[in-house]
């Protein structure tokens, strides 16, 4: 089998380090890895694939080397500058930032949901927002089977979604120290603001979920609304998703649809205390769904509780899965 070359951009960050962990686990047919980061991190040594790698500085010449895929997790500004440079040199970029997600020429991909869109790339493929990714894994089988009229998201998002600064705010806040990343203390608190507020009263995070849902599912006029909340949990996003379906359903048949969906694990025995939780989803690649019950206030309504590791499935794993799909396409 042909082997490929992969670069990891932002290799020393929280998601970048998880890229490396997931790549070690997935064992893709890769001949050479190149680990890139900012000038500040250049020269650092990391253990990866049983070898010591030296972090190289990301520059405009970094992609002159023989690289097939570049996994980016270095922030929107870096992606806006360097992703087009990489793409112009024949590299396919899988970008974890928000920079390209709503670009009409860039596919926005969750492999279990719309892997076919990968073929539409022009050198850049966008990784969706962490909170959107796990929702898509649960909603796509319902869309395909019953159709969807409306979605209401209420999210409970871990501090790791805000990077190392968010993680530190919770650690330090538990010691009584003032927040540095969040606008208010997160320890012992819930903050109903993720990202900045927009003129419509929604946060940027909430509108990401609305717009990305429509794009990934291919339903541009789907009725979607969201409230996103930061909670004092280190890792793992939880979501209450209320869905109005187009068609009637039997609850056990709907559960079977979810049980048979790729990348989704049903944990739904509430009488035995079995349902998805952030603490048990941590370090897992799957998305978990439970508390599956009919919403009796509307016709054809259902409530879901959806949980995933936001750094793995919500970022690194999804991107590596896209890379694996690219390699599979190229190898066929």
C-alpha atoms as a PDB file:
ATOM      1  CA  UNK A   1       0.000   0.000   0.000  1.00  0.00           C
ATOM      2  CA  UNK A   2       1.189   3.491  -0.825  1.00  0.00           C
ATOM      3  CA  UNK A   3       2.236   5.515   2.199  1.00  0.00           C
ATOM      4  CA  UNK A   4       1.492   9.179   2.725  1.00  0.00           C
ATOM      5  CA  UNK A   5       3.070  12.163   4.446  1.00  0.00           C
ATOM      6  CA  UNK A   6       1.178  14.151   7.078  1.00  0.00           C
ATOM      7  CA  UNK A   7       1.948  17.469   8.741  1.00  0.00           C
ATOM      8  CA  UNK A   8       0.427  18.537  12.058  1.00  0.00           C
ATOM      9  CA  UNK A   9       0.160  22.316  12.447  1.00  0.00           C
ATOM     10  CA  UNK A  10      -0.199  23.468  16.048  1.00  0.00           C
ATOM     11  CA  UNK A  11       1.325  20.240  17.338  1.00  0.00           C
ATOM     12  CA  UNK A  12       2.020  21.573  20.845  1.00  0.00           C
ATOM     13  CA  UNK A  13      -1.504  22.824  21.645  1.00  0.00           C
ATOM     14  CA  UNK A  14      -4.253  20.894  23.437  1.00  0.00           C
ATOM     15  CA  UNK A  15      -5.872  19.666  20.211  1.00  0.00           C
ATOM     16  CA  UNK A  16      -2.523  19.280  18.462  1.00  0.00           C
ATOM     17  CA  UNK A  17      -1.258  16.942  21.162  1.00  0.00           C
ATOM     18  CA  UNK A  18      -4.467  14.953  20.837  1.00  0.00           C
ATOM     19  CA  UNK A  19      -3.922  14.783  17.056  1.00  0.00           C
ATOM     20  CA  UNK A  20      -0.670  12.978  17.832  1.00  0.00           C
ATOM     21  CA  UNK A  21      -2.333  10.609  20.294  1.00  0.00           C
ATOM     22  CA  UNK A  22      -5.122   9.711  17.863  1.00  0.00           C
ATOM     23  CA  UNK A  23      -2.670   9.295  14.975  1.00  0.00           C
ATOM     24  CA  UNK A  24      -0.650   6.849  17.080  1.00  0.00           C
ATOM     25  CA  UNK A  25      -3.798   4.855  17.821  1.00  0.00           C
ATOM     26  CA  UNK A  26      -5.229   4.840  14.278  1.00  0.00           C
ATOM     27  CA  UNK A  27      -1.981   3.748  12.605  1.00  0.00           C
ATOM     28  CA  UNK A  28      -2.625   5.260   9.197  1.00  0.00           C
ATOM     29  CA  UNK A  29      -0.308   4.280   6.318  1.00  0.00           C
ATOM     30  CA  UNK A  30       2.034   7.234   6.842  1.00  0.00           C
ATOM     31  CA  UNK A  31       5.672   7.337   5.818  1.00  0.00           C
ATOM     32  CA  UNK A  32       6.622  10.690   7.302  1.00  0.00           C
ATOM     33  CA  UNK A  33       5.220  13.125   9.841  1.00  0.00           C
ATOM     34  CA  UNK A  34       6.156  16.804  10.100  1.00  0.00           C
ATOM     35  CA  UNK A  35       5.263  18.613  13.326  1.00  0.00           C
ATOM     36  CA  UNK A  36       4.825  22.364  13.023  1.00  0.00           C
ATOM     37  CA  UNK A  37       4.011  25.152  15.462  1.00  0.00           C
ATOM     38  CA  UNK A  38       4.711  28.828  16.139  1.00  0.00           C
ATOM     39  CA  UNK A  39       8.186  30.261  16.457  1.00  0.00           C
ATOM     40  CA  UNK A  40       7.730  30.210  20.226  1.00  0.00           C
ATOM     41  CA  UNK A  41       7.358  26.416  20.232  1.00  0.00           C
ATOM     42  CA  UNK A  42       9.930  25.642  17.538  1.00  0.00           C
ATOM     43  CA  UNK A  43      12.763  23.475  18.776  1.00  0.00           C
ATOM     44  CA  UNK A  44      10.727  21.685  21.440  1.00  0.00           C
ATOM     45  CA  UNK A  45      11.065  17.915  21.539  1.00  0.00           C
ATOM     46  CA  UNK A  46       8.069  15.573  21.641  1.00  0.00           C
ATOM     47  CA  UNK A  47       7.806  11.798  21.779  1.00  0.00           C
ATOM     48  CA  UNK A  48       5.617  10.491  18.975  1.00  0.00           C
ATOM     49  CA  UNK A  49       5.367   7.107  17.276  1.00  0.00           C
ATOM     50  CA  UNK A  50       8.230   5.870  19.447  1.00  0.00           C
ATOM     51  CA  UNK A  51      10.530   8.571  18.068  1.00  0.00           C
ATOM     52  CA  UNK A  52      11.661  11.946  19.344  1.00  0.00           C
ATOM     53  CA  UNK A  53      10.464  14.692  17.010  1.00  0.00           C
ATOM     54  CA  UNK A  54      11.641  18.282  16.952  1.00  0.00           C
ATOM     55  CA  UNK A  55       8.903  20.877  16.457  1.00  0.00           C
ATOM     56  CA  UNK A  56       9.578  22.983  13.361  1.00  0.00           C
ATOM     57  CA  UNK A  57       8.503  26.599  12.933  1.00  0.00           C
ATOM     58  CA  UNK A  58       5.510  27.120  10.657  1.00  0.00           C
ATOM     59  CA  UNK A  59       6.539  29.355   7.751  1.00  0.00           C
ATOM     60  CA  UNK A  60       5.375  30.047   4.216  1.00  0.00           C
ATOM     61  CA  UNK A  61       7.957  27.510   3.022  1.00  0.00           C
ATOM     62  CA  UNK A  62       6.841  24.674   5.340  1.00  0.00           C
ATOM     63  CA  UNK A  63       4.746  23.057   2.626  1.00  0.00           C
ATOM     64  CA  UNK A  64       7.462  23.003  -0.018  1.00  0.00           C
ATOM     65  CA  UNK A  65       8.262  19.542   1.338  1.00  0.00           C
ATOM     66  CA  UNK A  66       6.433  16.427   0.155  1.00  0.00           C
ATOM     67  CA  UNK A  67       3.257  16.609   2.282  1.00  0.00           C
ATOM     68  CA  UNK A  68      -0.091  15.063   1.329  1.00  0.00           C
ATOM     69  CA  UNK A  69      -2.315  16.117   4.251  1.00  0.00           C
ATOM     70  CA  UNK A  70      -1.927  18.889   6.836  1.00  0.00           C
ATOM     71  CA  UNK A  71      -3.987  18.771  10.019  1.00  0.00           C
ATOM     72  CA  UNK A  72      -4.382  22.348  11.282  1.00  0.00           C
ATOM     73  CA  UNK A  73      -5.233  23.361  14.848  1.00  0.00           C
ATOM     74  CA  UNK A  74      -3.467  26.665  15.327  1.00  0.00           C
ATOM     75  CA  UNK A  75      -6.262  29.246  15.367  1.00  0.00           C
ATOM     76  CA  UNK A  76      -8.283  31.031  12.720  1.00  0.00           C
ATOM     77  CA  UNK A  77      -5.709  33.662  11.811  1.00  0.00           C
ATOM     78  CA  UNK A  78      -3.035  31.053  11.202  1.00  0.00           C
ATOM     79  CA  UNK A  79      -5.426  28.985   9.099  1.00  0.00           C
ATOM     80  CA  UNK A  80      -6.505  31.971   7.024  1.00  0.00           C
ATOM     81  CA  UNK A  81      -2.880  32.726   6.187  1.00  0.00           C
ATOM     82  CA  UNK A  82      -1.301  29.306   5.804  1.00  0.00           C
ATOM     83  CA  UNK A  83      -4.085  26.962   4.625  1.00  0.00           C
ATOM     84  CA  UNK A  84      -4.270  28.578   1.155  1.00  0.00           C
ATOM     85  CA  UNK A  85      -0.471  28.428   0.899  1.00  0.00           C
ATOM     86  CA  UNK A  86      -0.517  24.716   1.700  1.00  0.00           C
ATOM     87  CA  UNK A  87      -3.398  24.059  -0.697  1.00  0.00           C
ATOM     88  CA  UNK A  88      -1.600  25.915  -3.506  1.00  0.00           C
ATOM     89  CA  UNK A  89       1.238  23.407  -3.159  1.00  0.00           C
ATOM     90  CA  UNK A  90      -0.994  20.355  -3.478  1.00  0.00           C
ATOM     91  CA  UNK A  91      -1.506  19.705   0.226  1.00  0.00           C
ATOM     92  CA  UNK A  92      -5.028  18.906   1.434  1.00  0.00           C
ATOM     93  CA  UNK A  93      -5.675  20.867   4.609  1.00  0.00           C
ATOM     94  CA  UNK A  94      -8.056  19.598   7.290  1.00  0.00           C
ATOM     95  CA  UNK A  95      -8.652  22.716   9.372  1.00  0.00           C
ATOM     96  CA  UNK A  96      -9.991  22.692  12.924  1.00  0.00           C
ATOM     97  CA  UNK A  97     -10.590  26.450  13.206  1.00  0.00           C
ATOM     98  CA  UNK A  98     -13.763  28.329  12.317  1.00  0.00           C
ATOM     99  CA  UNK A  99     -12.021  30.178   9.472  1.00  0.00           C
ATOM    100  CA  UNK A 100     -13.369  28.114   6.557  1.00  0.00           C
ATOM    101  CA  UNK A 101     -16.480  26.404   7.917  1.00  0.00           C
ATOM    102  CA  UNK A 102     -19.065  28.594   6.222  1.00  0.00           C
ATOM    103  CA  UNK A 103     -17.106  29.120   2.996  1.00  0.00           C
ATOM    104  CA  UNK A 104     -19.337  27.742   0.252  1.00  0.00           C
ATOM    105  CA  UNK A 105     -16.335  26.268  -1.557  1.00  0.00           C
ATOM    106  CA  UNK A 106     -15.119  24.336   1.521  1.00  0.00           C
ATOM    107  CA  UNK A 107     -16.799  21.096   2.634  1.00  0.00           C
ATOM    108  CA  UNK A 108     -17.697  20.879   6.327  1.00  0.00           C
ATOM    109  CA  UNK A 109     -17.415  17.228   7.274  1.00  0.00           C
ATOM    110  CA  UNK A 110     -18.361  14.734   9.956  1.00  0.00           C
ATOM    111  CA  UNK A 111     -17.296  11.409   8.405  1.00  0.00           C
ATOM    112  CA  UNK A 112     -20.202   9.381   9.831  1.00  0.00           C
ATOM    113  CA  UNK A 113     -22.616  11.935   8.370  1.00  0.00           C
ATOM    114  CA  UNK A 114     -21.377  13.376   5.065  1.00  0.00           C
ATOM    115  CA  UNK A 115     -18.083  11.731   4.114  1.00  0.00           C
ATOM    116  CA  UNK A 116     -19.065  12.052   0.447  1.00  0.00           C
ATOM    117  CA  UNK A 117     -18.592  15.822   0.689  1.00  0.00           C
ATOM    118  CA  UNK A 118     -14.844  15.272   1.109  1.00  0.00           C
ATOM    119  CA  UNK A 119     -14.617  14.739  -2.661  1.00  0.00           C
ATOM    120  CA  UNK A 120     -15.792  18.321  -3.219  1.00  0.00           C
ATOM    121  CA  UNK A 121     -12.704  19.879  -1.645  1.00  0.00           C
ATOM    122  CA  UNK A 122     -10.495  22.414  -3.385  1.00  0.00           C
ATOM    123  CA  UNK A 123      -7.559  21.837  -1.077  1.00  0.00           C
ATOM    124  CA  UNK A 124      -9.250  22.721   2.225  1.00  0.00           C
ATOM    125  CA  UNK A 125     -11.719  20.692   4.317  1.00  0.00           C
ATOM    126  CA  UNK A 126     -13.215  22.203   7.465  1.00  0.00           C
ATOM    127  CA  UNK A 127     -13.654  20.395  10.765  1.00  0.00           C
ATOM    128  CA  UNK A 128     -16.935  21.538  12.370  1.00  0.00           C
ATOM    129  CA  UNK A 129     -17.352  23.101  15.783  1.00  0.00           C
ATOM    130  CA  UNK A 130     -16.964  20.586  18.627  1.00  0.00           C
ATOM    131  CA  UNK A 131     -20.527  20.981  19.868  1.00  0.00           C
ATOM    132  CA  UNK A 132     -21.902  20.584  16.338  1.00  0.00           C
ATOM    133  CA  UNK A 133     -19.971  17.403  15.544  1.00  0.00           C
ATOM    134  CA  UNK A 134     -21.506  15.241  18.253  1.00  0.00           C
ATOM    135  CA  UNK A 135     -24.997  16.542  17.520  1.00  0.00           C
ATOM    136  CA  UNK A 136     -24.652  15.589  13.841  1.00  0.00           C
ATOM    137  CA  UNK A 137     -23.775  11.980  14.672  1.00  0.00           C
ATOM    138  CA  UNK A 138     -27.070  11.677  16.559  1.00  0.00           C
ATOM    139  CA  UNK A 139     -29.279  13.734  14.238  1.00  0.00           C
ATOM    140  CA  UNK A 140     -28.285  12.335  10.831  1.00  0.00           C
ATOM    141  CA  UNK A 141     -29.932   8.906  11.303  1.00  0.00           C
ATOM    142  CA  UNK A 142     -33.125  10.618  12.500  1.00  0.00           C
ATOM    143  CA  UNK A 143     -33.094  12.950   9.497  1.00  0.00           C
ATOM    144  CA  UNK A 144     -32.655  10.027   7.113  1.00  0.00           C
ATOM    145  CA  UNK A 145     -35.407   7.947   8.729  1.00  0.00           C
ATOM    146  CA  UNK A 146     -38.026  10.434   9.876  1.00  0.00           C
ATOM    147  CA  UNK A 147     -37.122  13.878   8.529  1.00  0.00           C
ATOM    148  CA  UNK A 148     -36.548  16.831  10.853  1.00  0.00           C
ATOM    149  CA  UNK A 149     -38.768  19.911  11.236  1.00  0.00           C
ATOM    150  CA  UNK A 150     -36.980  21.707  14.093  1.00  0.00           C
ATOM    151  CA  UNK A 151     -34.020  21.333  16.459  1.00  0.00           C
ATOM    152  CA  UNK A 152     -33.504  23.014  19.840  1.00  0.00           C
ATOM    153  CA  UNK A 153     -30.001  22.741  21.331  1.00  0.00           C
ATOM    154  CA  UNK A 154     -29.116  23.374  24.964  1.00  0.00           C
ATOM    155  CA  UNK A 155     -25.443  22.654  25.583  1.00  0.00           C
ATOM    156  CA  UNK A 156     -23.337  22.126  28.675  1.00  0.00           C
ATOM    157  CA  UNK A 157     -19.795  22.610  27.430  1.00  0.00           C
ATOM    158  CA  UNK A 158     -16.556  21.722  29.189  1.00  0.00           C
ATOM    159  CA  UNK A 159     -13.789  24.228  29.858  1.00  0.00           C
ATOM    160  CA  UNK A 160     -11.338  22.299  27.640  1.00  0.00           C
ATOM    161  CA  UNK A 161     -13.362  23.666  24.726  1.00  0.00           C
ATOM    162  CA  UNK A 162     -11.727  27.009  25.517  1.00  0.00           C
ATOM    163  CA  UNK A 163      -8.230  25.512  25.313  1.00  0.00           C
ATOM    164  CA  UNK A 164      -5.541  25.476  27.951  1.00  0.00           C
ATOM    165  CA  UNK A 165      -6.682  28.841  29.305  1.00  0.00           C
ATOM    166  CA  UNK A 166     -10.152  27.516  29.994  1.00  0.00           C
ATOM    167  CA  UNK A 167      -8.772  24.417  31.662  1.00  0.00           C
ATOM    168  CA  UNK A 168      -6.506  26.563  33.848  1.00  0.00           C
ATOM    169  CA  UNK A 169      -9.409  28.834  34.844  1.00  0.00           C
ATOM    170  CA  UNK A 170     -11.276  25.885  36.352  1.00  0.00           C
ATOM    171  CA  UNK A 171      -8.179  24.458  38.033  1.00  0.00           C
ATOM    172  CA  UNK A 172      -7.224  27.835  39.485  1.00  0.00           C
ATOM    173  CA  UNK A 173     -10.808  28.779  40.268  1.00  0.00           C
ATOM    174  CA  UNK A 174     -11.147  25.724  42.478  1.00  0.00           C
ATOM    175  CA  UNK A 175      -8.266  27.246  44.487  1.00  0.00           C
ATOM    176  CA  UNK A 176     -10.113  30.548  44.742  1.00  0.00           C
ATOM    177  CA  UNK A 177      -8.123  32.408  42.073  1.00  0.00           C
ATOM    178  CA  UNK A 178      -9.679  34.924  39.684  1.00  0.00           C
ATOM    179  CA  UNK A 179     -10.452  33.894  36.070  1.00  0.00           C
ATOM    180  CA  UNK A 180      -8.067  34.812  33.280  1.00  0.00           C
ATOM    181  CA  UNK A 181      -9.876  33.272  30.279  1.00  0.00           C
ATOM    182  CA  UNK A 182     -13.586  33.524  31.086  1.00  0.00           C
ATOM    183  CA  UNK A 183     -15.514  36.732  31.881  1.00  0.00           C
ATOM    184  CA  UNK A 184     -16.690  35.259  35.204  1.00  0.00           C
ATOM    185  CA  UNK A 185     -15.519  32.519  37.601  1.00  0.00           C
ATOM    186  CA  UNK A 186     -16.276  29.064  36.222  1.00  0.00           C
ATOM    187  CA  UNK A 187     -15.671  27.026  39.387  1.00  0.00           C
ATOM    188  CA  UNK A 188     -19.070  26.396  40.982  1.00  0.00           C
ATOM    189  CA  UNK A 189     -20.749  28.364  38.200  1.00  0.00           C
ATOM    190  CA  UNK A 190     -22.405  28.084  34.765  1.00  0.00           C
ATOM    191  CA  UNK A 191     -21.735  30.863  32.251  1.00  0.00           C
ATOM    192  CA  UNK A 192     -24.417  31.332  29.554  1.00  0.00           C
ATOM    193  CA  UNK A 193     -21.906  32.798  27.141  1.00  0.00           C
ATOM    194  CA  UNK A 194     -19.502  31.014  24.821  1.00  0.00           C
ATOM    195  CA  UNK A 195     -17.678  33.391  22.457  1.00  0.00           C
ATOM    196  CA  UNK A 196     -18.920  36.935  21.818  1.00  0.00           C
ATOM    197  CA  UNK A 197     -22.491  38.172  21.587  1.00  0.00           C
ATOM    198  CA  UNK A 198     -23.846  39.093  18.173  1.00  0.00           C
ATOM    199  CA  UNK A 199     -26.391  41.818  17.341  1.00  0.00           C
ATOM    200  CA  UNK A 200     -29.245  39.253  17.333  1.00  0.00           C
ATOM    201  CA  UNK A 201     -28.599  38.428  21.010  1.00  0.00           C
ATOM    202  CA  UNK A 202     -27.110  35.019  20.272  1.00  0.00           C
ATOM    203  CA  UNK A 203     -23.467  34.175  20.873  1.00  0.00           C
ATOM    204  CA  UNK A 204     -21.122  33.293  18.042  1.00  0.00           C
ATOM    205  CA  UNK A 205     -21.030  29.705  19.365  1.00  0.00           C
ATOM    206  CA  UNK A 206     -24.805  29.443  19.183  1.00  0.00           C
ATOM    207  CA  UNK A 207     -24.925  30.678  15.609  1.00  0.00           C
ATOM    208  CA  UNK A 208     -22.110  28.299  14.671  1.00  0.00           C
ATOM    209  CA  UNK A 209     -24.333  25.408  15.761  1.00  0.00           C
ATOM    210  CA  UNK A 210     -27.298  26.780  13.807  1.00  0.00           C
ATOM    211  CA  UNK A 211     -25.423  27.449  10.576  1.00  0.00           C
ATOM    212  CA  UNK A 212     -23.158  24.395  10.672  1.00  0.00           C
ATOM    213  CA  UNK A 213     -26.109  22.068  11.300  1.00  0.00           C
ATOM    214  CA  UNK A 214     -27.818  23.345   8.180  1.00  0.00           C
ATOM    215  CA  UNK A 215     -24.684  23.038   6.057  1.00  0.00           C
ATOM    216  CA  UNK A 216     -23.615  19.560   7.200  1.00  0.00           C
ATOM    217  CA  UNK A 217     -27.097  18.052   6.958  1.00  0.00           C
ATOM    218  CA  UNK A 218     -27.709  19.799   3.646  1.00  0.00           C
ATOM    219  CA  UNK A 219     -30.948  21.478   4.782  1.00  0.00           C
ATOM    220  CA  UNK A 220     -30.315  25.229   4.462  1.00  0.00           C
ATOM    221  CA  UNK A 221     -33.727  26.246   5.804  1.00  0.00           C
ATOM    222  CA  UNK A 222     -33.884  23.843   8.761  1.00  0.00           C
ATOM    223  CA  UNK A 223     -35.358  25.490  11.857  1.00  0.00           C
ATOM    224  CA  UNK A 224     -32.606  25.395  14.482  1.00  0.00           C
ATOM    225  CA  UNK A 225     -32.001  27.356  17.671  1.00  0.00           C
ATOM    226  CA  UNK A 226     -29.366  27.030  20.386  1.00  0.00           C
ATOM    227  CA  UNK A 227     -28.353  28.113  23.874  1.00  0.00           C
ATOM    228  CA  UNK A 228     -24.747  27.240  24.711  1.00  0.00           C
ATOM    229  CA  UNK A 229     -23.447  27.259  28.283  1.00  0.00           C
ATOM    230  CA  UNK A 230     -19.971  26.799  29.760  1.00  0.00           C
ATOM    231  CA  UNK A 231     -20.050  24.498  32.788  1.00  0.00           C
ATOM    232  CA  UNK A 232     -17.426  23.570  35.429  1.00  0.00           C
ATOM    233  CA  UNK A 233     -16.475  20.260  33.796  1.00  0.00           C
ATOM    234  CA  UNK A 234     -12.910  19.711  32.609  1.00  0.00           C
ATOM    235  CA  UNK A 235     -13.637  17.603  29.534  1.00  0.00           C
ATOM    236  CA  UNK A 236     -16.660  16.370  27.592  1.00  0.00           C
ATOM    237  CA  UNK A 237     -19.558  18.343  26.125  1.00  0.00           C
ATOM    238  CA  UNK A 238     -23.132  17.394  27.027  1.00  0.00           C
ATOM    239  CA  UNK A 239     -26.178  18.445  25.018  1.00  0.00           C
ATOM    240  CA  UNK A 240     -29.915  18.318  25.488  1.00  0.00           C
ATOM    241  CA  UNK A 241     -31.359  18.115  21.980  1.00  0.00           C
ATOM    242  CA  UNK A 242     -35.072  18.501  21.360  1.00  0.00           C
ATOM    243  CA  UNK A 243     -36.121  17.371  17.882  1.00  0.00           C
ATOM    244  CA  UNK A 244     -39.423  17.686  16.054  1.00  0.00           C
ATOM    245  CA  UNK A 245     -39.592  14.998  13.396  1.00  0.00           C
ATOM    246  CA  UNK A 246     -41.548  15.091  10.149  1.00  0.00           C
ATOM    247  CA  UNK A 247     -42.948  11.561  10.520  1.00  0.00           C
ATOM    248  CA  UNK A 248     -44.551   9.675  13.419  1.00  0.00           C
ATOM    249  CA  UNK A 249     -42.352   7.202  15.269  1.00  0.00           C
ATOM    250  CA  UNK A 250     -42.414   4.421  17.799  1.00  0.00           C
ATOM    251  CA  UNK A 251     -39.877   5.125  20.520  1.00  0.00           C
ATOM    252  CA  UNK A 252     -38.318   1.644  20.474  1.00  0.00           C
ATOM    253  CA  UNK A 253     -37.976   1.745  16.684  1.00  0.00           C
ATOM    254  CA  UNK A 254     -36.319   5.174  16.964  1.00  0.00           C
ATOM    255  CA  UNK A 255     -33.873   3.794  19.527  1.00  0.00           C
ATOM    256  CA  UNK A 256     -33.021   0.979  17.106  1.00  0.00           C
ATOM    257  CA  UNK A 257     -32.301   3.567  14.400  1.00  0.00           C
ATOM    258  CA  UNK A 258     -29.828   5.227  16.761  1.00  0.00           C
ATOM    259  CA  UNK A 259     -28.308   1.896  17.830  1.00  0.00           C
ATOM    260  CA  UNK A 260     -27.530   1.098  14.188  1.00  0.00           C
ATOM    261  CA  UNK A 261     -25.969   4.493  13.407  1.00  0.00           C
ATOM    262  CA  UNK A 262     -22.188   4.678  12.821  1.00  0.00           C
ATOM    263  CA  UNK A 263     -20.093   6.194  15.591  1.00  0.00           C
ATOM    264  CA  UNK A 264     -23.044   6.332  18.011  1.00  0.00           C
ATOM    265  CA  UNK A 265     -23.499   4.330  21.219  1.00  0.00           C
ATOM    266  CA  UNK A 266     -26.891   4.199  22.918  1.00  0.00           C
ATOM    267  CA  UNK A 267     -26.745   4.249  26.725  1.00  0.00           C
ATOM    268  CA  UNK A 268     -30.387   4.348  27.701  1.00  0.00           C
ATOM    269  CA  UNK A 269     -31.298   2.433  30.841  1.00  0.00           C
ATOM    270  CA  UNK A 270     -32.308   5.277  33.165  1.00  0.00           C
ATOM    271  CA  UNK A 271     -33.958   2.870  35.578  1.00  0.00           C
ATOM    272  CA  UNK A 272     -30.479   1.421  36.185  1.00  0.00           C
ATOM    273  CA  UNK A 273     -28.715   4.786  36.256  1.00  0.00           C
ATOM    274  CA  UNK A 274     -27.260   4.221  32.785  1.00  0.00           C
ATOM    275  CA  UNK A 275     -27.083   7.295  30.550  1.00  0.00           C
ATOM    276  CA  UNK A 276     -24.263   9.266  28.895  1.00  0.00           C
ATOM    277  CA  UNK A 277     -22.030  11.370  31.106  1.00  0.00           C
ATOM    278  CA  UNK A 278     -18.996  13.518  30.381  1.00  0.00           C
ATOM    279  CA  UNK A 279     -16.844  11.609  32.848  1.00  0.00           C
ATOM    280  CA  UNK A 280     -17.437   8.264  31.096  1.00  0.00           C
ATOM    281  CA  UNK A 281     -17.231   9.679  27.554  1.00  0.00           C
ATOM    282  CA  UNK A 282     -13.798  11.167  28.237  1.00  0.00           C
ATOM    283  CA  UNK A 283     -10.989   9.788  26.049  1.00  0.00           C
ATOM    284  CA  UNK A 284     -13.488   7.982  23.818  1.00  0.00           C
ATOM    285  CA  UNK A 285     -13.989   8.544  20.076  1.00  0.00           C
ATOM    286  CA  UNK A 286     -17.667   7.630  19.944  1.00  0.00           C
ATOM    287  CA  UNK A 287     -20.679   9.843  20.565  1.00  0.00           C
ATOM    288  CA  UNK A 288     -23.088   8.664  23.260  1.00  0.00           C
ATOM    289  CA  UNK A 289     -26.858   9.148  23.355  1.00  0.00           C
ATOM    290  CA  UNK A 290     -29.408   8.414  26.076  1.00  0.00           C
ATOM    291  CA  UNK A 291     -32.445   9.771  27.983  1.00  0.00           C
ATOM    292  CA  UNK A 292     -34.296   9.064  24.728  1.00  0.00           C
ATOM    293  CA  UNK A 293     -37.934   9.934  25.324  1.00  0.00           C
ATOM    294  CA  UNK A 294     -40.954  11.302  23.540  1.00  0.00           C
ATOM    295  CA  UNK A 295     -41.629  15.033  23.856  1.00  0.00           C
ATOM    296  CA  UNK A 296     -45.350  14.915  24.579  1.00  0.00           C
ATOM    297  CA  UNK A 297     -45.757  18.691  24.189  1.00  0.00           C
ATOM    298  CA  UNK A 298     -45.470  18.559  20.384  1.00  0.00           C
ATOM    299  CA  UNK A 299     -46.398  16.156  17.611  1.00  0.00           C
ATOM    300  CA  UNK A 300     -43.549  13.782  16.695  1.00  0.00           C
ATOM    301  CA  UNK A 301     -41.134  15.279  19.243  1.00  0.00           C
ATOM    302  CA  UNK A 302     -38.228  13.491  20.906  1.00  0.00           C
ATOM    303  CA  UNK A 303     -35.648  14.469  23.533  1.00  0.00           C
ATOM    304  CA  UNK A 304     -32.041  13.244  23.397  1.00  0.00           C
ATOM    305  CA  UNK A 305     -29.084  13.605  25.757  1.00  0.00           C
ATOM    306  CA  UNK A 306     -25.864  13.539  23.705  1.00  0.00           C
ATOM    307  CA  UNK A 307     -22.326  13.462  25.115  1.00  0.00           C
ATOM    308  CA  UNK A 308     -18.851  13.246  23.559  1.00  0.00           C
ATOM    309  CA  UNK A 309     -15.229  14.023  24.308  1.00  0.00           C
ATOM    310  CA  UNK A 310     -14.937  17.476  22.752  1.00  0.00           C
ATOM    311  CA  UNK A 311     -11.168  17.301  22.264  1.00  0.00           C
ATOM    312  CA  UNK A 312     -11.230  13.864  20.653  1.00  0.00           C
ATOM    313  CA  UNK A 313     -14.417  13.419  18.592  1.00  0.00           C
ATOM    314  CA  UNK A 314     -15.131  17.135  18.784  1.00  0.00           C
ATOM    315  CA  UNK A 315     -11.783  18.061  17.257  1.00  0.00           C
ATOM    316  CA  UNK A 316      -8.792  15.743  16.806  1.00  0.00           C
ATOM    317  CA  UNK A 317     -10.470  12.408  16.076  1.00  0.00           C
ATOM    318  CA  UNK A 318     -12.911  13.905  13.572  1.00  0.00           C
ATOM    319  CA  UNK A 319     -10.019  15.532  11.689  1.00  0.00           C
ATOM    320  CA  UNK A 320      -7.968  12.332  11.657  1.00  0.00           C
ATOM    321  CA  UNK A 321     -11.040  10.420  10.462  1.00  0.00           C
ATOM    322  CA  UNK A 322     -11.270  12.873   7.557  1.00  0.00           C
ATOM    323  CA  UNK A 323      -7.583  12.217   6.806  1.00  0.00           C
ATOM    324  CA  UNK A 324      -8.285   8.472   6.895  1.00  0.00           C
ATOM    325  CA  UNK A 325     -11.151   8.934   4.418  1.00  0.00           C
ATOM    326  CA  UNK A 326      -8.867  10.909   2.092  1.00  0.00           C
ATOM    327  CA  UNK A 327      -6.244   8.158   2.208  1.00  0.00           C
ATOM    328  CA  UNK A 328      -8.932   5.540   1.552  1.00  0.00           C
ATOM    329  CA  UNK A 329     -10.168   7.520  -1.484  1.00  0.00           C
ATOM    330  CA  UNK A 330      -6.655   7.923  -2.850  1.00  0.00           C
ATOM    331  CA  UNK A 331      -5.893   4.229  -2.355  1.00  0.00           C
ATOM    332  CA  UNK A 332      -8.959   2.921  -4.209  1.00  0.00           C
END
